[in-house]
Amino acid sequence: MAKSVYVLNGPNLNLLGTREPETYGRATLKDVEQQCRAVAAAHKFGLEFRQSNSEGELIDWIHEASAKEAVGIVLNAGGYTHTSVAIRDAVAAVRIPVIEVHISNIFAREAFRHVSHIAPVAKASLCGFGIDGYRLAIDGLAALAADGQKA
């Protein structure tokens, strides 16, 4: 069975396509999932694609991905990026690579968004590429897997 990539999306990402389209674009979360499935399949990876508005559920999925020895995690923690020490600690605790993704350039936005609790413990961070950031993150995980690298 193929190893899987976990793509985890945090609060309000279920509203993609309608929430602040001038910032996040018109693509829906279903569009993001379709793109991720295609890219994962091209790398011969399975895909677990999930979204939750609940911090604890995101943490449980991070733990699950590690326990199942996933290729890695693509994490868009949404607003939890700037507030959740608990998600930061979950990312730090797992032994698989985590790629932080943001659709918008968080550094070109409000000052409170310039701080990420996740970036210091993630393998890499991507922001400002729109939904293509997810594709780039999966490609990055594939490159790490090919090189035999870990988080």
N, C-alpha and C. Protein backbone atom coordinates (compact mmCIF):
# COMPACT_ATOMS: atom_id res chain seq x y z
N MET A 1 0.84 -1.19 0.00
CA MET A 1 0.00 0.00 0.00
C MET A 1 0.89 1.25 0.00
N ALA A 2 0.48 2.25 -0.77
CA ALA A 2 1.25 3.48 -0.90
C ALA A 2 1.23 4.27 0.40
N LYS A 3 2.34 4.89 0.69
CA LYS A 3 2.38 5.80 1.83
C LYS A 3 1.52 7.02 1.52
N SER A 4 0.99 7.63 2.56
CA SER A 4 0.09 8.76 2.38
C SER A 4 0.71 10.07 2.83
N VAL A 5 0.21 11.12 2.23
CA VAL A 5 0.46 12.49 2.66
C VAL A 5 -0.82 12.96 3.34
N TYR A 6 -0.67 13.59 4.48
CA TYR A 6 -1.81 14.19 5.17
C TYR A 6 -1.83 15.67 4.83
N VAL A 7 -2.96 16.16 4.35
CA VAL A 7 -3.16 17.59 4.12
C VAL A 7 -4.22 18.03 5.12
N LEU A 8 -3.79 18.84 6.08
CA LEU A 8 -4.66 19.25 7.18
C LEU A 8 -4.93 20.75 7.10
N ASN A 9 -6.19 21.10 7.16
CA ASN A 9 -6.64 22.48 7.04
C ASN A 9 -7.37 22.90 8.29
N GLY A 10 -7.04 24.08 8.78
CA GLY A 10 -7.61 24.57 10.02
C GLY A 10 -8.84 25.43 9.84
N PRO A 11 -9.11 26.27 10.83
CA PRO A 11 -10.36 27.01 10.91
C PRO A 11 -10.61 27.92 9.72
N ASN A 12 -11.87 27.93 9.31
CA ASN A 12 -12.42 28.79 8.27
C ASN A 12 -12.01 28.41 6.86
N LEU A 13 -11.14 27.41 6.70
CA LEU A 13 -10.75 27.02 5.35
C LEU A 13 -11.88 26.31 4.62
N ASN A 14 -12.88 25.86 5.36
CA ASN A 14 -14.10 25.32 4.72
C ASN A 14 -14.85 26.41 3.96
N LEU A 15 -14.53 27.67 4.20
CA LEU A 15 -15.20 28.80 3.54
C LEU A 15 -14.45 29.31 2.31
N LEU A 16 -13.38 28.61 1.92
CA LEU A 16 -12.64 29.05 0.74
C LEU A 16 -13.58 29.20 -0.46
N GLY A 17 -13.31 30.21 -1.25
CA GLY A 17 -14.14 30.49 -2.42
C GLY A 17 -15.15 31.58 -2.16
N THR A 18 -15.56 31.70 -0.90
CA THR A 18 -16.53 32.75 -0.54
C THR A 18 -15.98 33.71 0.51
N ARG A 19 -15.04 33.27 1.33
CA ARG A 19 -14.48 34.11 2.39
C ARG A 19 -13.35 34.96 1.82
N GLU A 20 -13.49 36.24 1.87
CA GLU A 20 -12.47 37.19 1.44
C GLU A 20 -11.76 36.75 0.16
N PRO A 21 -12.50 36.65 -0.94
CA PRO A 21 -11.89 36.17 -2.19
C PRO A 21 -10.76 37.07 -2.69
N GLU A 22 -10.75 38.34 -2.30
CA GLU A 22 -9.66 39.23 -2.70
C GLU A 22 -8.34 38.82 -2.03
N THR A 23 -8.43 38.11 -0.93
CA THR A 23 -7.24 37.62 -0.22
C THR A 23 -6.94 36.17 -0.54
N TYR A 24 -7.98 35.33 -0.56
CA TYR A 24 -7.80 33.88 -0.68
C TYR A 24 -8.17 33.32 -2.04
N GLY A 25 -8.71 34.14 -2.91
CA GLY A 25 -9.09 33.68 -4.24
C GLY A 25 -10.48 33.04 -4.26
N ARG A 26 -10.83 32.50 -5.40
CA ARG A 26 -12.17 31.92 -5.59
C ARG A 26 -12.18 30.40 -5.55
N ALA A 27 -11.01 29.79 -5.47
CA ALA A 27 -10.95 28.33 -5.40
C ALA A 27 -11.58 27.86 -4.09
N THR A 28 -12.29 26.76 -4.14
CA THR A 28 -12.92 26.18 -2.96
C THR A 28 -11.99 25.13 -2.33
N LEU A 29 -12.35 24.69 -1.15
CA LEU A 29 -11.57 23.64 -0.51
C LEU A 29 -11.65 22.36 -1.34
N LYS A 30 -12.76 22.13 -2.01
CA LYS A 30 -12.88 20.96 -2.89
C LYS A 30 -11.89 21.09 -4.06
N ASP A 31 -11.70 22.29 -4.58
CA ASP A 31 -10.70 22.51 -5.63
C ASP A 31 -9.29 22.19 -5.11
N VAL A 32 -9.00 22.62 -3.89
CA VAL A 32 -7.70 22.33 -3.28
C VAL A 32 -7.53 20.83 -3.15
N GLU A 33 -8.56 20.15 -2.69
CA GLU A 33 -8.49 18.70 -2.53
C GLU A 33 -8.24 18.00 -3.86
N GLN A 34 -8.93 18.41 -4.91
CA GLN A 34 -8.74 17.80 -6.23
C GLN A 34 -7.30 17.99 -6.71
N GLN A 35 -6.76 19.19 -6.53
CA GLN A 35 -5.38 19.46 -6.91
C GLN A 35 -4.42 18.57 -6.11
N CYS A 36 -4.63 18.48 -4.81
CA CYS A 36 -3.76 17.67 -3.95
C CYS A 36 -3.84 16.19 -4.33
N ARG A 37 -5.02 15.69 -4.64
CA ARG A 37 -5.17 14.29 -5.03
C ARG A 37 -4.39 14.00 -6.32
N ALA A 38 -4.46 14.91 -7.26
CA ALA A 38 -3.75 14.73 -8.53
C ALA A 38 -2.24 14.73 -8.31
N VAL A 39 -1.74 15.66 -7.51
CA VAL A 39 -0.30 15.75 -7.27
C VAL A 39 0.17 14.54 -6.47
N ALA A 40 -0.58 14.16 -5.45
CA ALA A 40 -0.20 12.98 -4.65
C ALA A 40 -0.17 11.74 -5.53
N ALA A 41 -1.16 11.57 -6.38
CA ALA A 41 -1.20 10.40 -7.27
C ALA A 41 -0.01 10.39 -8.22
N ALA A 42 0.38 11.55 -8.71
CA ALA A 42 1.54 11.63 -9.60
C ALA A 42 2.82 11.15 -8.91
N HIS A 43 2.87 11.31 -7.59
CA HIS A 43 4.02 10.84 -6.81
C HIS A 43 3.79 9.44 -6.24
N LYS A 44 2.65 8.85 -6.60
CA LYS A 44 2.27 7.51 -6.11
C LYS A 44 2.06 7.49 -4.59
N PHE A 45 1.52 8.59 -4.06
CA PHE A 45 1.17 8.69 -2.65
C PHE A 45 -0.34 8.59 -2.50
N GLY A 46 -0.78 8.04 -1.39
CA GLY A 46 -2.16 8.18 -0.97
C GLY A 46 -2.34 9.57 -0.40
N LEU A 47 -3.58 9.94 -0.14
CA LEU A 47 -3.85 11.27 0.40
C LEU A 47 -4.95 11.21 1.45
N GLU A 48 -4.67 11.78 2.60
CA GLU A 48 -5.68 12.03 3.64
C GLU A 48 -5.88 13.53 3.65
N PHE A 49 -7.05 13.99 3.25
CA PHE A 49 -7.34 15.42 3.14
C PHE A 49 -8.44 15.76 4.13
N ARG A 50 -8.14 16.65 5.07
CA ARG A 50 -9.09 16.93 6.15
C ARG A 50 -9.11 18.41 6.50
N GLN A 51 -10.24 18.83 7.06
CA GLN A 51 -10.41 20.20 7.53
C GLN A 51 -11.18 20.16 8.84
N SER A 52 -10.75 21.00 9.79
CA SER A 52 -11.48 21.13 11.04
C SER A 52 -11.33 22.54 11.58
N ASN A 53 -12.38 22.99 12.23
CA ASN A 53 -12.34 24.26 12.93
C ASN A 53 -11.90 24.06 14.39
N SER A 54 -11.59 22.81 14.76
CA SER A 54 -11.25 22.47 16.14
C SER A 54 -9.77 22.15 16.31
N GLU A 55 -9.14 22.85 17.22
CA GLU A 55 -7.72 22.69 17.48
C GLU A 55 -7.37 21.26 17.87
N GLY A 56 -8.12 20.69 18.77
CA GLY A 56 -7.84 19.33 19.25
C GLY A 56 -7.91 18.30 18.15
N GLU A 57 -8.85 18.45 17.25
CA GLU A 57 -8.96 17.50 16.14
C GLU A 57 -7.74 17.59 15.22
N LEU A 58 -7.27 18.78 14.96
CA LEU A 58 -6.05 18.95 14.16
C LEU A 58 -4.86 18.27 14.83
N ILE A 59 -4.75 18.43 16.14
CA ILE A 59 -3.67 17.80 16.88
C ILE A 59 -3.78 16.28 16.79
N ASP A 60 -4.97 15.75 16.95
CA ASP A 60 -5.17 14.29 16.83
C ASP A 60 -4.74 13.79 15.46
N TRP A 61 -5.03 14.54 14.41
CA TRP A 61 -4.65 14.13 13.06
C TRP A 61 -3.14 14.20 12.85
N ILE A 62 -2.48 15.17 13.46
CA ILE A 62 -1.02 15.25 13.38
C ILE A 62 -0.43 14.00 14.02
N HIS A 63 -0.94 13.63 15.19
CA HIS A 63 -0.47 12.42 15.87
C HIS A 63 -0.74 11.18 15.03
N GLU A 64 -1.93 11.11 14.43
CA GLU A 64 -2.30 9.97 13.59
C GLU A 64 -1.36 9.82 12.39
N ALA A 65 -1.06 10.93 11.75
CA ALA A 65 -0.16 10.89 10.59
C ALA A 65 1.20 10.31 10.98
N SER A 66 1.69 10.71 12.12
CA SER A 66 2.97 10.19 12.59
C SER A 66 2.88 8.71 12.93
N ALA A 67 1.82 8.32 13.63
CA ALA A 67 1.64 6.92 14.02
C ALA A 67 1.53 6.01 12.80
N LYS A 68 0.94 6.53 11.73
CA LYS A 68 0.78 5.74 10.50
C LYS A 68 1.97 5.90 9.56
N GLU A 69 3.01 6.59 10.04
CA GLU A 69 4.24 6.80 9.28
C GLU A 69 3.97 7.37 7.89
N ALA A 70 3.17 8.44 7.87
CA ALA A 70 2.88 9.15 6.63
C ALA A 70 4.17 9.71 6.04
N VAL A 71 4.14 9.98 4.74
CA VAL A 71 5.27 10.63 4.08
C VAL A 71 5.53 11.97 4.75
N GLY A 72 4.48 12.65 5.11
CA GLY A 72 4.58 13.94 5.77
C GLY A 72 3.22 14.59 5.85
N ILE A 73 3.23 15.81 6.37
CA ILE A 73 2.00 16.57 6.57
C ILE A 73 2.14 17.93 5.89
N VAL A 74 1.12 18.31 5.15
CA VAL A 74 0.97 19.67 4.65
C VAL A 74 -0.07 20.31 5.57
N LEU A 75 0.33 21.34 6.29
CA LEU A 75 -0.52 21.92 7.33
C LEU A 75 -0.80 23.39 7.05
N ASN A 76 -2.07 23.70 6.83
CA ASN A 76 -2.52 25.08 6.81
C ASN A 76 -3.37 25.24 8.07
N ALA A 77 -2.74 25.70 9.12
CA ALA A 77 -3.42 25.81 10.41
C ALA A 77 -4.31 27.05 10.52
N GLY A 78 -4.39 27.83 9.44
CA GLY A 78 -5.22 29.03 9.48
C GLY A 78 -4.82 29.93 10.65
N GLY A 79 -5.81 30.48 11.31
CA GLY A 79 -5.56 31.39 12.43
C GLY A 79 -4.82 30.76 13.59
N TYR A 80 -4.89 29.43 13.71
CA TYR A 80 -4.14 28.77 14.79
C TYR A 80 -2.63 28.91 14.62
N THR A 81 -2.19 29.23 13.42
CA THR A 81 -0.77 29.46 13.17
C THR A 81 -0.21 30.48 14.15
N HIS A 82 -0.99 31.50 14.43
CA HIS A 82 -0.53 32.65 15.20
C HIS A 82 -0.86 32.55 16.69
N THR A 83 -1.60 31.50 17.07
CA THR A 83 -2.09 31.44 18.45
C THR A 83 -1.84 30.11 19.16
N SER A 84 -1.63 29.03 18.42
CA SER A 84 -1.68 27.71 19.05
C SER A 84 -0.30 27.14 19.38
N VAL A 85 0.05 27.23 20.64
CA VAL A 85 1.25 26.56 21.13
C VAL A 85 1.02 25.05 21.11
N ALA A 86 -0.21 24.62 21.32
CA ALA A 86 -0.53 23.18 21.33
C ALA A 86 -0.28 22.54 19.96
N ILE A 87 -0.66 23.21 18.87
CA ILE A 87 -0.38 22.68 17.54
C ILE A 87 1.12 22.74 17.27
N ARG A 88 1.76 23.79 17.70
CA ARG A 88 3.22 23.88 17.56
C ARG A 88 3.89 22.69 18.25
N ASP A 89 3.45 22.38 19.46
CA ASP A 89 4.04 21.27 20.21
C ASP A 89 3.77 19.92 19.53
N ALA A 90 2.60 19.76 18.93
CA ALA A 90 2.29 18.52 18.21
C ALA A 90 3.21 18.37 17.00
N VAL A 91 3.42 19.45 16.27
CA VAL A 91 4.33 19.41 15.12
C VAL A 91 5.75 19.07 15.58
N ALA A 92 6.18 19.67 16.67
CA ALA A 92 7.53 19.41 17.18
C ALA A 92 7.69 17.97 17.66
N ALA A 93 6.59 17.35 18.07
CA ALA A 93 6.65 16.00 18.66
C ALA A 93 6.71 14.88 17.63
N VAL A 94 6.30 15.15 16.39
CA VAL A 94 6.26 14.07 15.40
C VAL A 94 7.58 13.97 14.64
N ARG A 95 7.85 12.78 14.14
CA ARG A 95 9.11 12.50 13.45
C ARG A 95 8.92 12.40 11.94
N ILE A 96 7.92 13.06 11.42
CA ILE A 96 7.72 13.13 9.97
C ILE A 96 7.76 14.60 9.58
N PRO A 97 8.14 14.90 8.33
CA PRO A 97 8.21 16.31 7.93
C PRO A 97 6.84 16.97 7.86
N VAL A 98 6.79 18.19 8.33
CA VAL A 98 5.58 19.01 8.26
C VAL A 98 5.93 20.25 7.46
N ILE A 99 5.13 20.50 6.43
CA ILE A 99 5.29 21.70 5.61
C ILE A 99 4.12 22.63 5.93
N GLU A 100 4.44 23.81 6.44
CA GLU A 100 3.43 24.82 6.74
C GLU A 100 3.06 25.54 5.44
N VAL A 101 1.77 25.69 5.19
CA VAL A 101 1.29 26.35 3.97
C VAL A 101 0.27 27.43 4.33
N HIS A 102 0.37 28.56 3.64
CA HIS A 102 -0.64 29.61 3.74
C HIS A 102 -0.93 30.10 2.33
N ILE A 103 -2.19 30.27 2.02
CA ILE A 103 -2.63 30.71 0.70
C ILE A 103 -2.16 32.14 0.44
N SER A 104 -2.34 33.01 1.43
CA SER A 104 -1.91 34.40 1.28
C SER A 104 -0.50 34.57 1.83
N ASN A 105 0.10 35.70 1.51
CA ASN A 105 1.41 36.03 2.09
C ASN A 105 1.16 36.64 3.46
N ILE A 106 1.34 35.83 4.49
CA ILE A 106 1.01 36.30 5.84
C ILE A 106 1.89 37.47 6.27
N PHE A 107 3.04 37.65 5.63
CA PHE A 107 3.94 38.74 6.00
C PHE A 107 3.56 40.07 5.33
N ALA A 108 2.62 40.02 4.41
CA ALA A 108 2.14 41.23 3.75
C ALA A 108 0.78 41.66 4.31
N ARG A 109 0.41 41.03 5.41
CA ARG A 109 -0.91 41.30 6.02
C ARG A 109 -0.74 41.95 7.38
N GLU A 110 -1.76 41.84 8.21
CA GLU A 110 -1.74 42.46 9.54
C GLU A 110 -0.54 41.95 10.34
N ALA A 111 -0.02 42.82 11.21
CA ALA A 111 1.18 42.50 11.99
C ALA A 111 1.03 41.22 12.81
N PHE A 112 -0.17 40.96 13.37
CA PHE A 112 -0.32 39.77 14.20
C PHE A 112 -0.15 38.49 13.40
N ARG A 113 -0.32 38.55 12.08
CA ARG A 113 -0.13 37.37 11.24
C ARG A 113 1.34 37.10 10.90
N HIS A 114 2.21 38.00 11.25
CA HIS A 114 3.63 37.85 10.92
C HIS A 114 4.33 36.83 11.82
N VAL A 115 3.68 36.42 12.90
CA VAL A 115 4.26 35.46 13.83
C VAL A 115 3.62 34.10 13.60
N SER A 116 4.44 33.11 13.33
CA SER A 116 3.98 31.72 13.21
C SER A 116 4.63 30.90 14.31
N HIS A 117 3.80 30.27 15.12
CA HIS A 117 4.32 29.34 16.12
C HIS A 117 4.78 28.04 15.47
N ILE A 118 4.30 27.76 14.28
CA ILE A 118 4.58 26.49 13.60
C ILE A 118 5.89 26.54 12.81
N ALA A 119 6.18 27.66 12.17
CA ALA A 119 7.36 27.75 11.30
C ALA A 119 8.66 27.28 11.96
N PRO A 120 8.94 27.64 13.20
CA PRO A 120 10.22 27.21 13.78
C PRO A 120 10.38 25.69 13.96
N VAL A 121 9.26 24.96 13.95
CA VAL A 121 9.34 23.51 14.14
C VAL A 121 8.95 22.73 12.89
N ALA A 122 8.60 23.45 11.82
CA ALA A 122 8.24 22.82 10.54
C ALA A 122 9.51 22.58 9.72
N LYS A 123 9.43 21.62 8.81
CA LYS A 123 10.54 21.38 7.88
C LYS A 123 10.69 22.58 6.94
N ALA A 124 9.55 23.15 6.50
CA ALA A 124 9.56 24.28 5.57
C ALA A 124 8.24 25.02 5.69
N SER A 125 8.21 26.24 5.16
CA SER A 125 7.00 27.05 5.14
C SER A 125 6.84 27.67 3.76
N LEU A 126 5.60 27.71 3.30
CA LEU A 126 5.25 28.34 2.02
C LEU A 126 4.10 29.30 2.27
N CYS A 127 4.18 30.49 1.71
CA CYS A 127 3.04 31.40 1.80
C CYS A 127 3.03 32.30 0.57
N GLY A 128 1.82 32.68 0.18
CA GLY A 128 1.67 33.64 -0.90
C GLY A 128 1.55 33.05 -2.30
N PHE A 129 1.55 31.73 -2.43
CA PHE A 129 1.43 31.09 -3.74
C PHE A 129 -0.01 30.72 -4.09
N GLY A 130 -0.97 31.20 -3.31
CA GLY A 130 -2.35 30.78 -3.52
C GLY A 130 -2.47 29.29 -3.23
N ILE A 131 -3.44 28.64 -3.87
CA ILE A 131 -3.60 27.21 -3.60
C ILE A 131 -2.49 26.38 -4.20
N ASP A 132 -1.67 26.96 -5.08
CA ASP A 132 -0.52 26.23 -5.61
C ASP A 132 0.50 25.90 -4.52
N GLY A 133 0.43 26.58 -3.40
CA GLY A 133 1.31 26.26 -2.28
C GLY A 133 1.15 24.82 -1.82
N TYR A 134 -0.06 24.30 -1.90
CA TYR A 134 -0.30 22.91 -1.52
C TYR A 134 0.44 21.96 -2.47
N ARG A 135 0.36 22.24 -3.75
CA ARG A 135 1.06 21.42 -4.76
C ARG A 135 2.56 21.46 -4.53
N LEU A 136 3.06 22.66 -4.31
CA LEU A 136 4.50 22.81 -4.06
C LEU A 136 4.92 22.06 -2.80
N ALA A 137 4.09 22.08 -1.78
CA ALA A 137 4.41 21.37 -0.54
C ALA A 137 4.45 19.86 -0.75
N ILE A 138 3.50 19.32 -1.51
CA ILE A 138 3.50 17.87 -1.78
C ILE A 138 4.72 17.51 -2.63
N ASP A 139 5.04 18.34 -3.62
CA ASP A 139 6.26 18.12 -4.40
C ASP A 139 7.49 18.13 -3.49
N GLY A 140 7.51 19.03 -2.53
CA GLY A 140 8.62 19.10 -1.59
C GLY A 140 8.71 17.85 -0.73
N LEU A 141 7.58 17.35 -0.25
CA LEU A 141 7.59 16.10 0.52
C LEU A 141 8.09 14.94 -0.32
N ALA A 142 7.71 14.91 -1.60
CA ALA A 142 8.20 13.85 -2.49
C ALA A 142 9.71 13.93 -2.65
N ALA A 143 10.23 15.14 -2.77
CA ALA A 143 11.69 15.30 -2.89
C ALA A 143 12.39 14.85 -1.60
N LEU A 144 11.83 15.19 -0.46
CA LEU A 144 12.41 14.74 0.81
C LEU A 144 12.37 13.23 0.92
N ALA A 145 11.26 12.63 0.52
CA ALA A 145 11.13 11.16 0.59
C ALA A 145 12.14 10.49 -0.33
N ALA A 146 12.35 11.06 -1.51
CA ALA A 146 13.30 10.51 -2.47
C ALA A 146 14.73 10.59 -1.93
N ASP A 147 15.00 11.65 -1.15
CA ASP A 147 16.32 11.83 -0.56
C ASP A 147 16.46 11.09 0.77
N GLY A 148 15.37 10.48 1.24
CA GLY A 148 15.41 9.75 2.50
C GLY A 148 15.52 10.64 3.73
N GLN A 149 15.06 11.90 3.62
CA GLN A 149 15.17 12.86 4.73
C GLN A 149 13.98 12.76 5.65
N LYS A 150 14.18 13.17 6.87
CA LYS A 150 13.14 13.25 7.88
C LYS A 150 13.05 14.67 8.39
N ALA A 151 12.05 14.90 9.23
CA ALA A 151 11.87 16.24 9.81
C ALA A 151 13.05 16.64 10.67
